[in-house]
Amino acid sequence: MDDSIEMMDLIKTILERDAQISVRTCNNPKKVSGHLSKGMFNVLISDFAMPGMNGMELFRQVRSEGYTLPCILYSCYSQEEIQRSCPDDVPYHYIQKKGHIIHQCEKIRSLIMR
């Protein structure tokens, strides 16, 4: 889940190099529930800053609907900035959009494969 289609496509391409990983993308947080209801998902990855709903709000919504999948917040904001603006009452993993995209995807991949 990212508001940048190009970023989602790049991450999808990198992650799907691993034959065990299949990625479904969505750039509208209000449509995530519909996607979750149609399939089996191992993890939900979301950016923090998105139009209409931030990543933490999305994670809260997903939890309120009964989904228990792990959530990964993937953001250019620091974790401290996110915690100041939004209480972390929903458990999540955090990966900062900093450094090389391949290294970030390796961190995402390791969380997916847990």
N, C-alpha and C. Protein backbone atom coordinates (compact mmCIF):
# COMPACT_ATOMS: atom_id res chain seq x y z
N MET A 1 0.84 -1.17 0.00
CA MET A 1 0.00 0.00 0.00
C MET A 1 0.88 1.23 0.00
N ASP A 2 0.87 1.96 -1.06
CA ASP A 2 1.63 3.20 -1.17
C ASP A 2 0.86 4.08 -2.14
N ASP A 3 0.95 5.38 -1.95
CA ASP A 3 0.26 6.26 -2.89
C ASP A 3 1.06 6.46 -4.17
N SER A 4 2.29 5.98 -4.20
CA SER A 4 3.12 6.04 -5.41
C SER A 4 3.06 4.70 -6.13
N ILE A 5 2.41 4.69 -7.27
CA ILE A 5 2.28 3.45 -8.04
C ILE A 5 3.66 2.96 -8.49
N GLU A 6 4.54 3.88 -8.86
CA GLU A 6 5.88 3.50 -9.29
C GLU A 6 6.64 2.79 -8.17
N MET A 7 6.54 3.31 -6.94
CA MET A 7 7.22 2.69 -5.80
C MET A 7 6.64 1.30 -5.54
N MET A 8 5.33 1.16 -5.58
CA MET A 8 4.71 -0.15 -5.37
C MET A 8 5.16 -1.14 -6.43
N ASP A 9 5.19 -0.72 -7.67
CA ASP A 9 5.58 -1.61 -8.76
C ASP A 9 7.04 -2.06 -8.61
N LEU A 10 7.91 -1.15 -8.20
CA LEU A 10 9.31 -1.49 -8.00
C LEU A 10 9.47 -2.50 -6.87
N ILE A 11 8.82 -2.26 -5.75
CA ILE A 11 8.90 -3.18 -4.61
C ILE A 11 8.32 -4.54 -5.00
N LYS A 12 7.19 -4.54 -5.69
CA LYS A 12 6.56 -5.79 -6.15
C LYS A 12 7.54 -6.58 -7.02
N THR A 13 8.18 -5.90 -7.98
CA THR A 13 9.12 -6.56 -8.89
C THR A 13 10.28 -7.18 -8.12
N ILE A 14 10.83 -6.43 -7.18
CA ILE A 14 11.97 -6.94 -6.40
C ILE A 14 11.55 -8.11 -5.52
N LEU A 15 10.44 -7.98 -4.80
CA LEU A 15 10.01 -9.05 -3.90
C LEU A 15 9.62 -10.32 -4.65
N GLU A 16 9.01 -10.17 -5.81
CA GLU A 16 8.55 -11.34 -6.55
C GLU A 16 9.68 -12.07 -7.28
N ARG A 17 10.90 -11.59 -7.14
CA ARG A 17 12.05 -12.38 -7.63
C ARG A 17 12.16 -13.66 -6.82
N ASP A 18 11.63 -13.63 -5.62
CA ASP A 18 11.54 -14.82 -4.77
C ASP A 18 10.25 -15.54 -5.16
N ALA A 19 10.36 -16.75 -5.67
CA ALA A 19 9.20 -17.49 -6.16
C ALA A 19 8.16 -17.77 -5.07
N GLN A 20 8.55 -17.66 -3.81
CA GLN A 20 7.62 -17.91 -2.70
C GLN A 20 6.76 -16.69 -2.37
N ILE A 21 7.06 -15.56 -2.98
CA ILE A 21 6.35 -14.32 -2.65
C ILE A 21 5.52 -13.86 -3.84
N SER A 22 4.26 -13.56 -3.55
CA SER A 22 3.36 -12.97 -4.53
C SER A 22 2.83 -11.68 -3.90
N VAL A 23 2.86 -10.59 -4.64
CA VAL A 23 2.49 -9.29 -4.10
C VAL A 23 1.25 -8.77 -4.82
N ARG A 24 0.32 -8.26 -4.04
CA ARG A 24 -0.85 -7.59 -4.59
C ARG A 24 -0.78 -6.14 -4.15
N THR A 25 -0.94 -5.20 -5.06
CA THR A 25 -0.81 -3.78 -4.72
C THR A 25 -2.15 -3.06 -4.77
N CYS A 26 -2.17 -1.96 -4.03
CA CYS A 26 -3.37 -1.11 -3.97
C CYS A 26 -2.89 0.29 -3.58
N ASN A 27 -3.35 1.31 -4.27
CA ASN A 27 -2.92 2.66 -3.93
C ASN A 27 -4.03 3.49 -3.28
N ASN A 28 -5.08 2.83 -2.83
CA ASN A 28 -6.18 3.50 -2.15
C ASN A 28 -6.47 2.76 -0.85
N PRO A 29 -6.15 3.36 0.31
CA PRO A 29 -6.33 2.66 1.57
C PRO A 29 -7.78 2.24 1.84
N LYS A 30 -8.72 2.93 1.25
CA LYS A 30 -10.13 2.60 1.47
C LYS A 30 -10.56 1.33 0.74
N LYS A 31 -9.71 0.83 -0.17
CA LYS A 31 -10.03 -0.39 -0.91
C LYS A 31 -9.31 -1.62 -0.36
N VAL A 32 -8.46 -1.44 0.64
CA VAL A 32 -7.68 -2.56 1.18
C VAL A 32 -8.58 -3.65 1.75
N SER A 33 -9.60 -3.29 2.48
CA SER A 33 -10.50 -4.29 3.07
C SER A 33 -11.12 -5.19 2.02
N GLY A 34 -11.49 -4.60 0.89
CA GLY A 34 -12.04 -5.40 -0.21
C GLY A 34 -11.05 -6.41 -0.73
N HIS A 35 -9.79 -6.01 -0.84
CA HIS A 35 -8.75 -6.94 -1.28
C HIS A 35 -8.54 -8.05 -0.25
N LEU A 36 -8.49 -7.67 1.02
CA LEU A 36 -8.26 -8.67 2.07
C LEU A 36 -9.39 -9.70 2.12
N SER A 37 -10.61 -9.28 1.84
CA SER A 37 -11.73 -10.21 1.89
C SER A 37 -11.73 -11.22 0.75
N LYS A 38 -10.92 -10.97 -0.29
CA LYS A 38 -10.91 -11.83 -1.47
C LYS A 38 -9.74 -12.80 -1.52
N GLY A 39 -8.90 -12.81 -0.50
CA GLY A 39 -7.75 -13.70 -0.60
C GLY A 39 -7.05 -13.92 0.72
N MET A 40 -6.06 -14.77 0.65
CA MET A 40 -5.21 -15.07 1.81
C MET A 40 -3.95 -14.22 1.70
N PHE A 41 -3.68 -13.45 2.72
CA PHE A 41 -2.51 -12.59 2.74
C PHE A 41 -1.71 -12.87 4.00
N ASN A 42 -0.39 -12.82 3.86
CA ASN A 42 0.50 -13.08 5.00
C ASN A 42 0.90 -11.82 5.73
N VAL A 43 0.86 -10.69 5.04
CA VAL A 43 1.32 -9.43 5.64
C VAL A 43 0.70 -8.25 4.89
N LEU A 44 0.53 -7.14 5.60
CA LEU A 44 0.05 -5.90 5.01
C LEU A 44 1.16 -4.87 5.16
N ILE A 45 1.59 -4.30 4.04
CA ILE A 45 2.63 -3.27 4.03
C ILE A 45 1.98 -1.96 3.62
N SER A 46 2.24 -0.91 4.40
CA SER A 46 1.66 0.38 4.07
C SER A 46 2.63 1.52 4.34
N ASP A 47 2.55 2.53 3.50
CA ASP A 47 3.23 3.78 3.75
C ASP A 47 2.48 4.47 4.89
N PHE A 48 3.12 5.44 5.52
CA PHE A 48 2.43 6.18 6.58
C PHE A 48 1.57 7.29 5.99
N ALA A 49 2.17 8.15 5.18
CA ALA A 49 1.46 9.31 4.64
C ALA A 49 0.80 8.96 3.32
N MET A 50 -0.53 8.91 3.37
CA MET A 50 -1.31 8.62 2.17
C MET A 50 -2.53 9.54 2.18
N PRO A 51 -3.10 9.80 1.02
CA PRO A 51 -4.29 10.66 0.99
C PRO A 51 -5.49 9.94 1.61
N GLY A 52 -6.18 10.63 2.50
CA GLY A 52 -7.42 10.09 3.05
C GLY A 52 -7.29 9.27 4.31
N MET A 53 -6.17 8.59 4.50
CA MET A 53 -6.00 7.72 5.66
C MET A 53 -4.51 7.41 5.79
N ASN A 54 -3.95 7.56 6.99
CA ASN A 54 -2.54 7.21 7.13
C ASN A 54 -2.38 5.72 7.44
N GLY A 55 -1.17 5.24 7.41
CA GLY A 55 -0.91 3.82 7.60
C GLY A 55 -1.41 3.27 8.92
N MET A 56 -1.24 4.04 10.00
CA MET A 56 -1.71 3.57 11.31
C MET A 56 -3.24 3.48 11.34
N GLU A 57 -3.91 4.44 10.72
CA GLU A 57 -5.37 4.38 10.64
C GLU A 57 -5.79 3.15 9.84
N LEU A 58 -5.07 2.85 8.79
CA LEU A 58 -5.36 1.65 7.99
C LEU A 58 -5.19 0.40 8.83
N PHE A 59 -4.08 0.31 9.58
CA PHE A 59 -3.85 -0.86 10.43
C PHE A 59 -4.96 -1.01 11.46
N ARG A 60 -5.41 0.10 12.06
CA ARG A 60 -6.51 0.05 13.04
C ARG A 60 -7.79 -0.45 12.38
N GLN A 61 -8.07 0.04 11.18
CA GLN A 61 -9.28 -0.38 10.46
C GLN A 61 -9.24 -1.88 10.19
N VAL A 62 -8.11 -2.36 9.69
CA VAL A 62 -7.95 -3.77 9.36
C VAL A 62 -8.15 -4.63 10.62
N ARG A 63 -7.56 -4.20 11.74
CA ARG A 63 -7.73 -4.94 13.00
C ARG A 63 -9.19 -4.93 13.46
N SER A 64 -9.86 -3.78 13.31
CA SER A 64 -11.26 -3.68 13.75
C SER A 64 -12.17 -4.58 12.92
N GLU A 65 -11.72 -4.93 11.72
CA GLU A 65 -12.49 -5.83 10.85
C GLU A 65 -12.15 -7.30 11.10
N GLY A 66 -11.26 -7.54 12.07
CA GLY A 66 -10.96 -8.91 12.46
C GLY A 66 -9.74 -9.53 11.82
N TYR A 67 -9.03 -8.81 10.97
CA TYR A 67 -7.82 -9.34 10.35
C TYR A 67 -6.65 -9.26 11.33
N THR A 68 -5.87 -10.32 11.39
CA THR A 68 -4.77 -10.38 12.36
C THR A 68 -3.39 -10.47 11.70
N LEU A 69 -3.33 -10.28 10.40
CA LEU A 69 -2.05 -10.40 9.70
C LEU A 69 -1.06 -9.34 10.19
N PRO A 70 0.23 -9.66 10.16
CA PRO A 70 1.24 -8.68 10.57
C PRO A 70 1.22 -7.47 9.65
N CYS A 71 1.50 -6.31 10.24
CA CYS A 71 1.51 -5.06 9.50
C CYS A 71 2.92 -4.48 9.49
N ILE A 72 3.34 -3.99 8.33
CA ILE A 72 4.64 -3.34 8.18
C ILE A 72 4.40 -1.91 7.73
N LEU A 73 4.90 -0.97 8.52
CA LEU A 73 4.84 0.43 8.14
C LEU A 73 6.15 0.76 7.43
N TYR A 74 6.05 1.15 6.17
CA TYR A 74 7.20 1.42 5.31
C TYR A 74 7.14 2.89 4.94
N SER A 75 7.99 3.70 5.57
CA SER A 75 7.82 5.14 5.45
C SER A 75 9.13 5.90 5.42
N CYS A 76 9.10 7.08 4.81
CA CYS A 76 10.28 7.97 4.85
C CYS A 76 10.32 8.73 6.17
N TYR A 77 9.22 8.75 6.89
CA TYR A 77 9.20 9.38 8.22
C TYR A 77 9.94 8.49 9.20
N SER A 78 10.61 9.09 10.16
CA SER A 78 11.26 8.29 11.20
C SER A 78 10.19 7.70 12.10
N GLN A 79 10.52 6.64 12.78
CA GLN A 79 9.57 6.00 13.69
C GLN A 79 9.17 6.97 14.81
N GLU A 80 10.12 7.80 15.24
CA GLU A 80 9.83 8.79 16.29
C GLU A 80 8.81 9.82 15.80
N GLU A 81 8.95 10.27 14.55
CA GLU A 81 7.99 11.23 13.99
C GLU A 81 6.59 10.62 13.93
N ILE A 82 6.52 9.37 13.54
CA ILE A 82 5.23 8.69 13.44
C ILE A 82 4.61 8.53 14.82
N GLN A 83 5.39 8.12 15.80
CA GLN A 83 4.88 7.93 17.16
C GLN A 83 4.41 9.25 17.77
N ARG A 84 5.06 10.36 17.44
CA ARG A 84 4.62 11.66 17.96
C ARG A 84 3.27 12.06 17.39
N SER A 85 3.04 11.74 16.13
CA SER A 85 1.81 12.18 15.48
C SER A 85 0.68 11.16 15.57
N CYS A 86 1.02 9.94 15.91
CA CYS A 86 0.00 8.88 15.88
C CYS A 86 0.38 7.79 16.88
N PRO A 87 -0.41 7.62 17.92
CA PRO A 87 -0.07 6.59 18.90
C PRO A 87 -0.04 5.20 18.27
N ASP A 88 0.91 4.39 18.70
CA ASP A 88 1.06 3.06 18.10
C ASP A 88 0.32 2.01 18.91
N ASP A 89 -0.99 2.13 18.90
CA ASP A 89 -1.81 1.19 19.64
C ASP A 89 -2.08 -0.09 18.85
N VAL A 90 -1.57 -0.17 17.66
CA VAL A 90 -1.67 -1.37 16.83
C VAL A 90 -0.25 -1.89 16.62
N PRO A 91 0.00 -3.16 16.90
CA PRO A 91 1.37 -3.67 16.69
C PRO A 91 1.74 -3.64 15.20
N TYR A 92 2.98 -3.22 14.95
CA TYR A 92 3.46 -3.17 13.58
C TYR A 92 4.98 -3.24 13.57
N HIS A 93 5.51 -3.62 12.42
CA HIS A 93 6.94 -3.57 12.17
C HIS A 93 7.20 -2.28 11.40
N TYR A 94 8.40 -1.76 11.52
CA TYR A 94 8.72 -0.49 10.87
C TYR A 94 9.97 -0.64 10.02
N ILE A 95 9.89 -0.17 8.79
CA ILE A 95 11.05 -0.11 7.89
C ILE A 95 11.07 1.28 7.29
N GLN A 96 12.20 1.96 7.44
CA GLN A 96 12.31 3.31 6.92
C GLN A 96 12.77 3.29 5.46
N LYS A 97 12.16 4.15 4.66
CA LYS A 97 12.56 4.33 3.26
C LYS A 97 13.84 5.17 3.27
N LYS A 98 14.92 4.50 3.51
CA LYS A 98 16.21 5.18 3.57
C LYS A 98 17.27 4.20 3.10
N GLY A 99 18.14 4.65 2.24
CA GLY A 99 19.16 3.76 1.72
C GLY A 99 18.72 3.13 0.42
N HIS A 100 19.36 2.03 0.08
CA HIS A 100 19.12 1.36 -1.20
C HIS A 100 17.84 0.53 -1.13
N ILE A 101 17.02 0.60 -2.17
CA ILE A 101 15.74 -0.10 -2.23
C ILE A 101 15.91 -1.62 -2.08
N ILE A 102 17.00 -2.17 -2.58
CA ILE A 102 17.23 -3.62 -2.46
C ILE A 102 17.36 -4.00 -0.99
N HIS A 103 18.06 -3.20 -0.21
CA HIS A 103 18.23 -3.49 1.22
C HIS A 103 16.89 -3.38 1.96
N GLN A 104 16.10 -2.39 1.58
CA GLN A 104 14.79 -2.24 2.19
C GLN A 104 13.90 -3.44 1.87
N CYS A 105 13.95 -3.89 0.63
CA CYS A 105 13.16 -5.06 0.23
C CYS A 105 13.63 -6.33 0.93
N GLU A 106 14.91 -6.44 1.20
CA GLU A 106 15.41 -7.59 1.97
C GLU A 106 14.83 -7.60 3.37
N LYS A 107 14.72 -6.43 3.98
CA LYS A 107 14.10 -6.34 5.31
C LYS A 107 12.63 -6.74 5.23
N ILE A 108 11.94 -6.24 4.22
CA ILE A 108 10.53 -6.60 4.02
C ILE A 108 10.41 -8.11 3.81
N ARG A 109 11.25 -8.65 2.94
CA ARG A 109 11.23 -10.08 2.64
C ARG A 109 11.44 -10.92 3.91
N SER A 110 12.38 -10.51 4.74
CA SER A 110 12.65 -11.28 5.97
C SER A 110 11.43 -11.27 6.91
N LEU A 111 10.69 -10.17 6.94
CA LEU A 111 9.49 -10.13 7.77
C LEU A 111 8.37 -10.97 7.16
N ILE A 112 8.27 -10.96 5.84
CA ILE A 112 7.24 -11.77 5.17
C ILE A 112 7.49 -13.25 5.42
N MET A 113 8.75 -13.66 5.38
CA MET A 113 9.09 -15.09 5.46
C MET A 113 9.11 -15.63 6.89
N ARG A 114 8.84 -14.83 7.86
CA ARG A 114 8.81 -15.30 9.27
C ARG A 114 7.77 -16.35 9.47
